[in-house]
Amino acid sequence: MSKFFDCITDELQDFIAAQHLFFVGSAPLSPTGHVNLSPKGLGCFCILSPNRVGYVDLTGSGNETSAHLQENGRITFMFCAFEEPACILRLYGQGKTILPSSPNWDSLYSLFLPIPGARQIIVADIEQVQTSCGFGVPLYEYRGERQTLVNWASKKGEEGVREFQQKRNLVSIDGLPTPLSEITPNLAKADFGA
């Protein structure tokens, strides 16, 4: 049975901290636009307060979430227990993108583990929290994090990643601009573990 909460309780914060994987959902306003659902890992999620969360968003082939947040702000996070006890947790809120050039980047980024290829931080104010049974979610064993994306960013270096962002991360697949499009070609430096 579903339960709703006004904030992320201490018990739910413990549940989130124990998960290795979460999903981010966002969508444009257009009824013909594409709904985006992205899995995330690498320990990039952080609970900032009972009603605020964030994650370090790494450079990748698309930048849908950032474009959708710039257009309408809607975001949903989902965590699933892949071991006992079963549970699904959803966080509903309004999000925004914090770029490395933002005045509050350094103070916010210091709350996360540094990851090569950090493109931006997604921060969301959580309006509603929902849990449900999760009995239909299969059991899986965690074996570790893939290092492919981190290694790719480290090998490309800061300039190579910025060039990639300029080519692939300025608009969504529906043509919506991302916040990166507003500062190109002068993208600020992100962390590369140097």
Protein backbone atom coordinates (compact mmCIF):
# COMPACT_ATOMS: atom_id res chain seq x y z
CA MET A 1 0.00 0.00 0.00
CA SER A 2 1.25 3.48 -0.88
CA LYS A 3 2.18 5.95 1.82
CA PHE A 4 2.78 9.67 1.34
CA PHE A 5 5.09 11.95 3.29
CA ASP A 6 5.77 15.70 3.29
CA CYS A 7 9.52 15.19 3.55
CA ILE A 8 12.27 12.57 3.43
CA THR A 9 12.13 11.09 6.93
CA ASP A 10 15.21 9.76 8.72
CA GLU A 11 14.13 6.20 7.92
CA LEU A 12 13.71 7.03 4.22
CA GLN A 13 17.09 8.80 4.19
CA ASP A 14 18.65 5.57 5.47
CA PHE A 15 16.88 3.62 2.71
CA ILE A 16 18.21 6.02 0.04
CA ALA A 17 21.75 5.81 1.43
CA ALA A 18 21.66 2.01 1.11
CA GLN A 19 20.75 2.06 -2.61
CA HIS A 20 23.39 1.89 -5.35
CA LEU A 21 21.02 2.90 -8.16
CA PHE A 22 18.34 5.52 -8.66
CA PHE A 23 16.25 6.72 -11.60
CA VAL A 24 15.50 10.30 -12.69
CA GLY A 25 12.36 11.12 -14.67
CA SER A 26 11.54 14.37 -16.47
CA ALA A 27 9.50 15.48 -19.47
CA PRO A 28 8.93 18.50 -21.69
CA LEU A 29 5.60 20.32 -21.72
CA SER A 30 4.90 19.35 -25.32
CA PRO A 31 2.52 16.38 -25.62
CA THR A 32 4.67 15.08 -28.48
CA GLY A 33 7.93 15.51 -26.55
CA HIS A 34 9.91 12.59 -25.22
CA VAL A 35 9.67 11.54 -21.58
CA ASN A 36 13.16 10.92 -20.19
CA LEU A 37 14.04 8.24 -17.65
CA SER A 38 17.70 7.86 -16.68
CA PRO A 39 19.41 5.39 -14.31
CA LYS A 40 22.19 6.84 -12.16
CA GLY A 41 24.87 5.38 -9.92
CA LEU A 42 28.48 6.06 -8.89
CA GLY A 43 27.42 7.43 -5.50
CA CYS A 44 26.52 10.82 -6.98
CA PHE A 45 23.27 11.41 -4.99
CA CYS A 46 23.10 13.54 -1.85
CA ILE A 47 20.29 14.45 0.55
CA LEU A 48 20.78 18.15 1.26
CA SER A 49 17.85 18.48 3.69
CA PRO A 50 14.57 16.64 4.35
CA ASN A 51 13.06 18.52 1.40
CA ARG A 52 16.06 19.05 -0.88
CA VAL A 53 18.23 16.60 -2.80
CA GLY A 54 20.87 16.80 -5.48
CA TYR A 55 23.15 14.74 -7.64
CA VAL A 56 26.28 15.32 -9.66
CA ASP A 57 25.31 14.87 -13.29
CA LEU A 58 28.12 13.45 -15.39
CA THR A 59 28.80 14.29 -19.01
CA GLY A 60 26.96 11.85 -21.25
CA SER A 61 25.48 11.49 -24.69
CA GLY A 62 22.34 13.47 -23.83
CA ASN A 63 21.27 16.26 -21.49
CA GLU A 64 17.51 15.75 -21.31
CA THR A 65 16.92 16.33 -17.61
CA SER A 66 18.65 19.71 -17.67
CA ALA A 67 16.63 20.86 -20.70
CA HIS A 68 13.34 19.76 -19.13
CA LEU A 69 14.15 21.44 -15.82
CA GLN A 70 14.97 24.69 -17.59
CA GLU A 71 11.60 24.54 -19.37
CA ASN A 72 9.28 23.43 -16.55
CA GLY A 73 11.20 22.27 -13.46
CA ARG A 74 9.34 18.96 -12.96
CA ILE A 75 11.42 16.03 -11.75
CA THR A 76 10.86 12.64 -10.13
CA PHE A 77 13.44 10.39 -8.48
CA MET A 78 12.82 6.69 -7.90
CA PHE A 79 14.73 4.26 -5.69
CA CYS A 80 14.00 0.51 -5.64
CA ALA A 81 15.15 -2.09 -3.14
CA PHE A 82 16.76 -4.95 -5.05
CA GLU A 83 17.18 -6.95 -1.84
CA GLU A 84 14.87 -7.51 1.13
CA PRO A 85 12.84 -5.80 2.41
CA ALA A 86 11.03 -4.70 -0.74
CA CYS A 87 10.28 -1.01 -1.23
CA ILE A 88 9.92 1.62 -3.95
CA LEU A 89 10.49 5.26 -3.02
CA ARG A 90 9.58 8.21 -5.23
CA LEU A 91 10.54 11.84 -4.67
CA TYR A 92 8.45 14.41 -6.54
CA GLY A 93 9.70 17.95 -6.89
CA GLN A 94 10.89 20.99 -8.78
CA GLY A 95 14.48 21.03 -9.92
CA LYS A 96 17.11 23.26 -11.39
CA THR A 97 20.57 22.92 -12.90
CA ILE A 98 23.66 24.33 -11.21
CA LEU A 99 26.56 24.77 -13.64
CA PRO A 100 30.26 24.95 -12.71
CA SER A 101 30.11 28.67 -13.57
CA SER A 102 27.37 29.31 -10.97
CA PRO A 103 28.39 31.34 -7.90
CA ASN A 104 27.28 28.55 -5.52
CA TRP A 105 28.99 25.70 -7.45
CA ASP A 106 32.02 25.37 -5.16
CA SER A 107 30.05 25.25 -1.90
CA LEU A 108 27.51 22.81 -3.34
CA TYR A 109 30.00 20.59 -5.17
CA SER A 110 32.03 20.22 -1.96
CA LEU A 111 29.13 18.17 -0.51
CA PHE A 112 29.68 15.44 -3.11
CA LEU A 113 32.51 13.05 -3.89
CA PRO A 114 34.52 14.55 -6.76
CA ILE A 115 33.92 12.68 -10.02
CA PRO A 116 35.79 13.26 -13.29
CA GLY A 117 33.47 14.56 -16.00
CA ALA A 118 31.07 16.39 -13.66
CA ARG A 119 28.88 18.42 -16.02
CA GLN A 120 26.44 20.04 -13.61
CA ILE A 121 24.56 19.46 -10.36
CA ILE A 122 20.84 18.82 -10.42
CA VAL A 123 19.15 20.17 -7.28
CA ALA A 124 15.48 19.54 -6.48
CA ASP A 125 13.10 20.82 -3.85
CA ILE A 126 10.95 17.84 -2.88
CA GLU A 127 7.24 18.52 -2.54
CA GLN A 128 5.98 15.00 -1.95
CA VAL A 129 7.46 11.63 -1.04
CA GLN A 130 5.77 8.30 -1.77
CA THR A 131 6.59 4.74 -0.83
CA SER A 132 4.99 1.62 -2.28
CA CYS A 133 5.43 -2.10 -1.73
CA GLY A 134 7.95 -2.98 -4.45
CA PHE A 135 6.91 -6.64 -4.40
CA GLY A 136 7.17 -6.82 -8.20
CA VAL A 137 10.82 -5.69 -8.24
CA PRO A 138 13.19 -8.66 -8.68
CA LEU A 139 16.07 -9.44 -6.35
CA TYR A 140 19.51 -8.51 -7.70
CA GLU A 141 22.99 -8.73 -6.24
CA TYR A 142 25.16 -5.61 -6.35
CA ARG A 143 28.58 -6.34 -7.87
CA GLY A 144 30.09 -2.87 -8.13
CA GLU A 145 30.17 0.35 -10.11
CA ARG A 146 31.17 0.57 -13.76
CA GLN A 147 34.16 2.86 -14.23
CA THR A 148 33.72 3.31 -17.98
CA LEU A 149 32.27 6.84 -17.85
CA VAL A 150 34.77 8.05 -15.26
CA ASN A 151 37.68 6.57 -17.25
CA TRP A 152 36.32 8.13 -20.47
CA ALA A 153 36.17 11.59 -18.87
CA SER A 154 39.63 11.23 -17.33
CA LYS A 155 41.12 10.18 -20.66
CA LYS A 156 39.41 13.03 -22.58
CA GLY A 157 40.52 15.64 -20.07
CA GLU A 158 38.82 18.94 -19.30
CA GLU A 159 39.11 20.42 -22.78
CA GLY A 160 37.98 17.21 -24.49
CA VAL A 161 34.92 16.91 -22.26
CA ARG A 162 34.01 20.59 -22.82
CA GLU A 163 34.25 20.03 -26.59
CA PHE A 164 32.01 16.96 -26.27
CA GLN A 165 29.47 18.98 -24.24
CA GLN A 166 29.45 21.71 -26.89
CA LYS A 167 28.69 19.16 -29.60
CA ARG A 168 26.24 16.89 -27.78
CA ASN A 169 24.75 18.55 -24.68
CA LEU A 170 23.35 21.93 -25.74
CA VAL A 171 19.82 20.82 -26.73
CA SER A 172 17.49 17.96 -25.88
CA ILE A 173 16.37 15.41 -28.45
CA ASP A 174 13.25 17.56 -28.87
CA GLY A 175 15.34 20.69 -29.52
CA LEU A 176 14.92 22.32 -26.09
CA PRO A 177 17.98 24.33 -25.02
CA THR A 178 19.92 23.30 -21.93
CA PRO A 179 21.60 25.72 -19.52
CA LEU A 180 24.95 24.76 -21.10
CA SER A 181 23.81 26.44 -24.33
CA GLU A 182 23.74 29.79 -22.52
CA ILE A 183 27.45 29.76 -21.64
CA THR A 184 29.00 28.00 -24.63
CA PRO A 185 31.76 28.26 -25.74
CA ASN A 186 33.03 29.51 -22.37
CA LEU A 187 32.12 26.47 -20.27
CA ALA A 188 33.63 26.68 -16.80
CA LYS A 189 35.96 24.00 -15.53
CA ALA A 190 34.40 20.98 -13.84
CA ASP A 191 36.29 18.62 -11.57
CA PHE A 192 38.60 16.11 -13.21
CA GLY A 193 40.34 14.81 -10.13
CA ALA A 194 43.52 16.70 -11.03
